[in-house]
Amino acid sequence: RYAQVAVRAFSEAETALAEESSAETRAGFLTRAIGENEKALVIAETRYRIGSIDVRAVEQQKLALAASRSQQLSVEAERRVQRVNIHLALGGNFEHPEAAAVAYPAKAGN
C-alpha cells in the first residue's frame, strides 16, 4: 500500500512538472505572438490613417491582440495551478504557519 501511494505521488508530481514546463513553453510563444500582434496593430493603424485599409482591418488586428493576451492569461493561470499541484503532490499544505503552531504545538519547535 505504501508503495502504491508513493508511486501515485511521484506520478502526480511528474505530471504537474511536465504540464508546467509545457505551459511555460506556450507562455514564451504567446509573449512573442503578443509582440508581433502589437507591431501588426501599429502597421494597421498607420495604413488606416493613410487610407490604405478600412477600420474593419484595424479592429480585426485589435481582436487578434486581445485574443493573444487572453490566451497568455489562461496559460499563466494554468502555470499557477500546476505549481499548487506540485506543492500538494510533494506533501505540502495550505495551513498558515501560526495556525499550524496552535494546532500542532509539538511540531512548532521543529
C-alpha atoms as a PDB file:
ATOM      1  CA  ARG A   1       0.000   0.000   0.000  1.00  0.00           C
ATOM      2  CA  TYR A   2       2.824   2.403   0.886  1.00  0.00           C
ATOM      3  CA  ALA A   3       4.494   1.697  -2.456  1.00  0.00           C
ATOM      4  CA  GLN A   4       1.231   2.402  -4.325  1.00  0.00           C
ATOM      5  CA  VAL A   5       0.801   5.722  -2.545  1.00  0.00           C
ATOM      6  CA  ALA A   6       4.427   6.664  -3.236  1.00  0.00           C
ATOM      7  CA  VAL A   7       4.170   5.745  -6.917  1.00  0.00           C
ATOM      8  CA  ARG A   8       0.954   7.755  -7.242  1.00  0.00           C
ATOM      9  CA  ALA A   9       2.564  10.777  -5.538  1.00  0.00           C
ATOM     10  CA  PHE A  10       5.606  10.607  -7.812  1.00  0.00           C
ATOM     11  CA  SER A  11       3.346  10.271 -10.829  1.00  0.00           C
ATOM     12  CA  GLU A  12       1.280  13.299  -9.787  1.00  0.00           C
ATOM     13  CA  ALA A  13       4.425  15.374  -9.203  1.00  0.00           C
ATOM     14  CA  GLU A  14       5.915  14.293 -12.526  1.00  0.00           C
ATOM     15  CA  THR A  15       2.697  15.097 -14.379  1.00  0.00           C
ATOM     16  CA  ALA A  16       2.434  18.518 -12.753  1.00  0.00           C
ATOM     17  CA  LEU A  17       6.085  19.310 -13.578  1.00  0.00           C
ATOM     18  CA  ALA A  18       5.601  18.268 -17.205  1.00  0.00           C
ATOM     19  CA  GLU A  19       2.425  20.318 -17.541  1.00  0.00           C
ATOM     20  CA  GLU A  20       4.068  23.377 -16.002  1.00  0.00           C
ATOM     21  CA  SER A  21       7.003  23.020 -18.388  1.00  0.00           C
ATOM     22  CA  SER A  22       4.590  22.789 -21.316  1.00  0.00           C
ATOM     23  CA  ALA A  23       2.706  25.863 -20.083  1.00  0.00           C
ATOM     24  CA  GLU A  24       5.992  27.763 -19.749  1.00  0.00           C
ATOM     25  CA  THR A  25       6.848  26.964 -23.363  1.00  0.00           C
ATOM     26  CA  ARG A  26       3.404  28.128 -24.505  1.00  0.00           C
ATOM     27  CA  ALA A  27       3.810  31.321 -22.466  1.00  0.00           C
ATOM     28  CA  GLY A  28       7.009  32.082 -24.379  1.00  0.00           C
ATOM     29  CA  PHE A  29       5.280  31.580 -27.712  1.00  0.00           C
ATOM     30  CA  LEU A  30       2.382  33.762 -26.615  1.00  0.00           C
ATOM     31  CA  THR A  31       4.710  36.536 -25.470  1.00  0.00           C
ATOM     32  CA  ARG A  32       6.244  36.591 -28.942  1.00  0.00           C
ATOM     33  CA  ALA A  33       2.786  36.452 -30.550  1.00  0.00           C
ATOM     34  CA  ILE A  34       1.657  39.427 -28.476  1.00  0.00           C
ATOM     35  CA  GLY A  35       4.700  41.405 -29.591  1.00  0.00           C
ATOM     36  CA  GLU A  36       4.014  40.542 -33.224  1.00  0.00           C
ATOM     37  CA  ASN A  37       0.327  41.434 -32.871  1.00  0.00           C
ATOM     38  CA  GLU A  38       1.251  44.784 -31.303  1.00  0.00           C
ATOM     39  CA  LYS A  39       3.556  45.559 -34.245  1.00  0.00           C
ATOM     40  CA  ALA A  40       0.881  44.461 -36.714  1.00  0.00           C
ATOM     41  CA  LEU A  41      -1.637  46.721 -34.982  1.00  0.00           C
ATOM     42  CA  VAL A  42       0.686  49.729 -35.300  1.00  0.00           C
ATOM     43  CA  ILE A  43       1.109  48.959 -39.000  1.00  0.00           C
ATOM     44  CA  ALA A  44      -2.649  48.522 -39.472  1.00  0.00           C
ATOM     45  CA  GLU A  45      -3.367  51.827 -37.720  1.00  0.00           C
ATOM     46  CA  THR A  46      -0.788  53.579 -39.904  1.00  0.00           C
ATOM     47  CA  ARG A  47      -2.267  52.056 -43.042  1.00  0.00           C
ATOM     48  CA  TYR A  48      -5.736  53.133 -41.894  1.00  0.00           C
ATOM     49  CA  ARG A  49      -4.569  56.723 -41.344  1.00  0.00           C
ATOM     50  CA  ILE A  50      -3.171  56.935 -44.871  1.00  0.00           C
ATOM     51  CA  GLY A  51      -6.328  55.356 -46.316  1.00  0.00           C
ATOM     52  CA  SER A  52      -4.824  52.079 -47.438  1.00  0.00           C
ATOM     53  CA  ILE A  53      -7.226  49.891 -45.400  1.00  0.00           C
ATOM     54  CA  ASP A  54     -10.577  50.306 -43.692  1.00  0.00           C
ATOM     55  CA  VAL A  55     -11.333  50.388 -39.974  1.00  0.00           C
ATOM     56  CA  ARG A  56     -12.505  46.763 -40.056  1.00  0.00           C
ATOM     57  CA  ALA A  57      -8.933  45.550 -40.602  1.00  0.00           C
ATOM     58  CA  VAL A  58      -7.740  47.609 -37.638  1.00  0.00           C
ATOM     59  CA  GLU A  59     -10.478  46.176 -35.428  1.00  0.00           C
ATOM     60  CA  GLN A  60      -9.610  42.642 -36.530  1.00  0.00           C
ATOM     61  CA  GLN A  61      -5.994  43.245 -35.539  1.00  0.00           C
ATOM     62  CA  LYS A  62      -7.145  44.569 -32.149  1.00  0.00           C
ATOM     63  CA  LEU A  63      -9.180  41.386 -31.685  1.00  0.00           C
ATOM     64  CA  ALA A  64      -6.151  39.240 -32.542  1.00  0.00           C
ATOM     65  CA  LEU A  65      -4.086  41.118 -29.961  1.00  0.00           C
ATOM     66  CA  ALA A  66      -6.795  40.747 -27.322  1.00  0.00           C
ATOM     67  CA  ALA A  67      -7.072  37.022 -28.062  1.00  0.00           C
ATOM     68  CA  SER A  68      -3.322  36.568 -27.613  1.00  0.00           C
ATOM     69  CA  ARG A  69      -3.387  38.425 -24.316  1.00  0.00           C
ATOM     70  CA  SER A  70      -6.362  36.361 -23.143  1.00  0.00           C
ATOM     71  CA  GLN A  71      -4.572  33.130 -24.006  1.00  0.00           C
ATOM     72  CA  GLN A  72      -1.499  34.346 -22.136  1.00  0.00           C
ATOM     73  CA  LEU A  73      -3.605  34.961 -19.027  1.00  0.00           C
ATOM     74  CA  SER A  74      -5.074  31.472 -19.313  1.00  0.00           C
ATOM     75  CA  VAL A  75      -1.626  29.918 -19.581  1.00  0.00           C
ATOM     76  CA  GLU A  76      -0.386  31.905 -16.569  1.00  0.00           C
ATOM     77  CA  ALA A  77      -3.379  30.690 -14.568  1.00  0.00           C
ATOM     78  CA  GLU A  78      -2.631  27.133 -15.655  1.00  0.00           C
ATOM     79  CA  ARG A  79       1.003  27.517 -14.566  1.00  0.00           C
ATOM     80  CA  ARG A  80      -0.092  28.644 -11.119  1.00  0.00           C
ATOM     81  CA  VAL A  81      -2.485  25.705 -10.814  1.00  0.00           C
ATOM     82  CA  GLN A  82       0.340  23.336 -11.717  1.00  0.00           C
ATOM     83  CA  ARG A  83       2.598  24.886  -9.076  1.00  0.00           C
ATOM     84  CA  VAL A  84      -0.090  24.259  -6.481  1.00  0.00           C
ATOM     85  CA  ASN A  85      -0.463  20.694  -7.753  1.00  0.00           C
ATOM     86  CA  ILE A  86       3.293  20.163  -7.402  1.00  0.00           C
ATOM     87  CA  HIS A  87       3.215  21.586  -3.887  1.00  0.00           C
ATOM     88  CA  LEU A  88       0.359  19.290  -2.886  1.00  0.00           C
ATOM     89  CA  ALA A  89       1.853  16.223  -4.590  1.00  0.00           C
ATOM     90  CA  LEU A  90       5.062  16.737  -2.621  1.00  0.00           C
ATOM     91  CA  GLY A  91       3.125  16.766   0.644  1.00  0.00           C
ATOM     92  CA  GLY A  92       2.622  20.481   1.110  1.00  0.00           C
ATOM     93  CA  ASN A  93      -0.438  22.067   2.620  1.00  0.00           C
ATOM     94  CA  PHE A  94      -2.000  25.495   2.904  1.00  0.00           C
ATOM     95  CA  GLU A  95      -2.079  25.931   6.648  1.00  0.00           C
ATOM     96  CA  HIS A  96      -0.786  29.246   7.882  1.00  0.00           C
ATOM     97  CA  PRO A  97       2.377  28.696   9.981  1.00  0.00           C
ATOM     98  CA  GLU A  98       0.836  30.277  13.084  1.00  0.00           C
ATOM     99  CA  ALA A  99      -2.307  28.158  12.732  1.00  0.00           C
ATOM    100  CA  ALA A 100      -0.155  25.039  12.426  1.00  0.00           C
ATOM    101  CA  ALA A 101       1.755  26.041  15.586  1.00  0.00           C
ATOM    102  CA  VAL A 102      -1.506  26.325  17.514  1.00  0.00           C
ATOM    103  CA  ALA A 103      -2.950  23.111  16.111  1.00  0.00           C
ATOM    104  CA  TYR A 104       0.276  21.105  16.438  1.00  0.00           C
ATOM    105  CA  PRO A 105       2.357  22.658  19.271  1.00  0.00           C
ATOM    106  CA  ALA A 106       4.871  19.785  19.296  1.00  0.00           C
ATOM    107  CA  LYS A 107       5.758  20.442  15.630  1.00  0.00           C
ATOM    108  CA  ALA A 108       6.140  24.195  16.130  1.00  0.00           C
ATOM    109  CA  GLY A 109       9.530  23.811  17.802  1.00  0.00           C
ATOM    110  CA  ASN A 110      10.929  21.646  14.957  1.00  0.00           C
END
